[in-house]
Protein backbone atom coordinates (compact mmCIF):
# COMPACT_ATOMS: atom_id res chain seq x y z
CA MET A 1 43.80 0.30 -21.24
CA ASP A 2 41.49 -2.53 -21.66
CA TRP A 3 38.13 -2.06 -20.05
CA SER A 4 35.57 -5.26 -19.79
CA ALA A 5 32.53 -5.66 -20.97
CA PRO A 6 30.61 -5.41 -17.07
CA THR A 7 32.58 -2.77 -17.19
CA TRP A 8 30.94 -1.33 -19.75
CA TRP A 9 27.55 -1.99 -18.94
CA TRP A 10 27.91 -0.80 -15.06
CA LEU A 11 29.04 3.15 -17.46
CA ALA A 12 26.14 2.77 -18.99
CA ALA A 13 24.30 2.13 -15.86
CA GLY A 14 25.99 4.86 -14.36
CA VAL A 15 25.53 6.98 -17.09
CA LEU A 16 21.72 6.67 -16.96
CA VAL A 17 21.09 7.37 -13.55
CA ALA A 18 22.87 10.76 -13.65
CA ALA A 19 21.13 11.43 -16.46
CA GLU A 20 17.59 11.12 -14.63
CA LEU A 21 18.99 12.82 -11.72
CA LEU A 22 19.29 15.74 -13.90
CA SER A 23 16.31 15.45 -15.64
CA GLY A 24 13.97 13.45 -13.13
CA THR A 25 12.55 11.01 -15.75
CA PHE A 26 11.98 7.99 -13.82
CA TYR A 27 12.27 5.30 -16.62
CA LEU A 28 15.79 5.93 -17.06
CA LEU A 29 16.14 4.16 -13.96
CA MET A 30 14.62 1.55 -15.50
CA LEU A 31 16.88 1.65 -18.50
CA ALA A 32 19.69 1.73 -15.60
CA MET A 33 18.83 -1.48 -14.05
CA GLY A 34 18.45 -2.97 -17.61
CA CYS A 35 22.19 -2.10 -17.97
CA ALA A 36 22.65 -3.41 -14.54
CA ALA A 37 21.21 -6.52 -15.39
CA GLY A 38 23.83 -6.54 -18.92
CA ALA A 39 26.54 -6.45 -16.30
CA LEU A 40 25.19 -9.02 -13.75
CA LEU A 41 25.91 -11.37 -17.00
CA ALA A 42 28.41 -10.14 -17.96
CA HIS A 43 30.07 -11.12 -14.51
CA ALA A 44 28.85 -14.19 -15.07
CA GLY A 45 30.23 -15.01 -18.52
CA ALA A 46 27.14 -15.25 -20.28
CA GLY A 47 27.69 -14.19 -24.12
CA ALA A 48 27.36 -10.38 -25.72
CA GLU A 49 23.90 -11.52 -27.29
CA LEU A 50 22.42 -12.93 -24.16
CA GLN A 51 23.51 -9.57 -22.25
CA VAL A 52 22.36 -7.28 -25.14
CA ALA A 53 18.82 -9.28 -24.71
CA ALA A 54 18.86 -9.33 -20.96
CA ALA A 55 19.25 -5.97 -20.77
CA ALA A 56 16.88 -4.69 -23.64
CA LEU A 57 13.98 -7.55 -21.69
CA CYS A 58 14.79 -5.97 -18.18
CA GLY A 59 15.07 -2.34 -19.22
CA ALA A 60 11.68 -2.23 -21.47
CA GLY A 61 9.56 -4.66 -19.04
CA ALA A 62 10.52 -2.52 -15.94
CA THR A 63 9.81 0.17 -18.19
CA ALA A 64 6.24 -1.11 -19.45
CA ILE A 65 5.27 -2.10 -15.82
CA TRP A 66 6.08 0.83 -14.48
CA HIS A 67 3.82 3.24 -17.16
CA TYR A 68 0.91 0.71 -17.03
CA ARG A 69 1.47 1.21 -12.85
CA ARG A 70 1.51 4.83 -13.40
CA ALA A 71 -1.51 4.90 -16.17
CA SER A 72 -3.82 2.84 -14.06
CA ALA A 73 -3.08 4.48 -11.01
CA PRO A 74 -5.98 6.90 -10.14
CA ARG A 75 -5.64 10.42 -10.43
CA SER A 76 -5.07 13.44 -7.83
CA ALA A 77 -8.02 15.70 -7.33
CA PRO A 78 -7.24 18.91 -8.85
CA ILE A 79 -4.87 21.18 -6.76
CA GLU A 80 -7.89 23.69 -6.30
CA ARG A 81 -9.83 20.75 -4.83
CA ASN A 82 -6.93 18.48 -3.42
CA ARG A 83 -7.13 18.06 0.49
CA ASP A 84 -3.04 17.00 0.37
CA ALA A 85 -2.17 20.23 -1.32
CA ASN A 86 -4.87 22.54 0.39
CA LEU A 87 -5.37 22.29 4.14
CA ASP A 88 -8.38 24.88 4.12
CA ILE A 89 -10.38 22.28 2.46
CA GLY A 90 -13.05 20.53 3.90
CA GLU A 91 -12.44 23.58 7.01
CA THR A 92 -16.28 24.96 7.82
CA VAL A 93 -17.05 28.41 7.62
CA MET A 94 -20.38 30.54 8.53
CA VAL A 95 -21.80 32.57 6.13
CA GLN A 96 -23.86 35.35 6.93
CA ALA A 97 -25.89 36.14 3.64
CA TRP A 98 -25.25 35.76 0.18
CA ASP A 99 -25.60 38.30 -2.52
CA ASP A 100 -27.78 37.94 -6.30
CA GLU A 101 -24.17 36.63 -7.95
CA ARG A 102 -24.20 33.64 -5.03
CA ARG A 103 -20.92 35.74 -3.51
CA SER A 104 -20.06 36.37 0.05
CA ARG A 105 -17.78 37.81 2.22
CA VAL A 106 -16.82 35.44 5.42
CA HIS A 107 -14.22 35.15 7.43
CA TYR A 108 -12.01 32.76 7.87
CA ARG A 109 -8.51 32.61 9.73
CA GLY A 110 -8.50 36.14 10.90
CA ALA A 111 -9.16 37.48 7.58
CA GLY A 112 -11.86 38.46 5.77
CA TRP A 113 -12.35 36.11 2.86
CA GLY A 114 -13.98 36.26 -1.16
CA ALA A 115 -16.63 33.45 -0.95
CA ARG A 116 -18.40 31.65 -4.14
CA LEU A 117 -20.98 29.24 -3.47
CA ALA A 118 -20.61 25.72 -5.26
CA PRO A 119 -22.82 25.24 -8.65
CA ASP A 120 -26.48 23.91 -7.81
CA ALA A 121 -26.04 24.44 -3.82
CA PRO A 122 -28.39 25.80 -2.43
CA ALA A 123 -28.04 29.87 -1.36
CA ALA A 124 -28.82 29.80 1.93
CA PRO A 125 -26.76 31.12 5.25
CA GLY A 126 -25.53 28.94 8.63
CA PRO A 127 -22.33 26.99 8.12
CA HIS A 128 -20.96 25.86 5.07
CA VAL A 129 -17.59 24.10 4.04
CA ILE A 130 -14.88 24.93 1.71
CA VAL A 131 -14.82 22.89 -1.35
CA ALA A 132 -12.24 24.51 -3.33
CA VAL A 133 -9.82 27.47 -3.51
CA GLN A 134 -9.66 29.16 -6.77
CA GLY A 135 -6.74 32.01 -6.01
CA ASN A 136 -7.85 34.20 -2.84
CA GLU A 137 -11.50 32.82 -3.38
CA LEU A 138 -13.14 30.18 -1.31
CA ILE A 139 -15.88 27.98 -3.02
CA LEU A 140 -18.12 26.87 -0.24
CA ALA A 141 -21.04 24.22 -0.52
CA PRO A 142 -23.54 23.78 2.49
CA GLY A 143 -22.09 21.82 5.38
CA ALA A 144 -22.30 21.09 8.96
CA THR A 145 -19.48 22.34 11.66
CA LYS A 146 -16.91 20.13 12.09
CA SER A 147 -16.53 18.94 15.32
CA ASN A 148 -13.11 18.28 16.84
């Protein structure tokens, strides 16, 4: 069986897509795009040199663009302070008193929680906002009650 050049390009693209599915490396999809460009040029009757050049430029270019885009994108907040990952961030609790180590016990979501005051925050009783969750301890900063 004699396979044509486009068949080899499509086979390479398929292998790269399968490898991406197994590894989760998005960059392999960019290289598969390069193979698809080579396949399209092969279908159009372009020479082998042009096919390889187009595949290399398309794959490397797409990889470079994706890498630059990811590198310049803003980083998300650390998981313990990220509202997208932890819906407790931004909620309000009432603190009765702080101890000498800037810790307290608060009632939140129907249970007692250990709480710690955020650095540089004044240790005063009253409403506090959850700014982070570290393990099973709430990190609190003074704040007003949430209005619904």
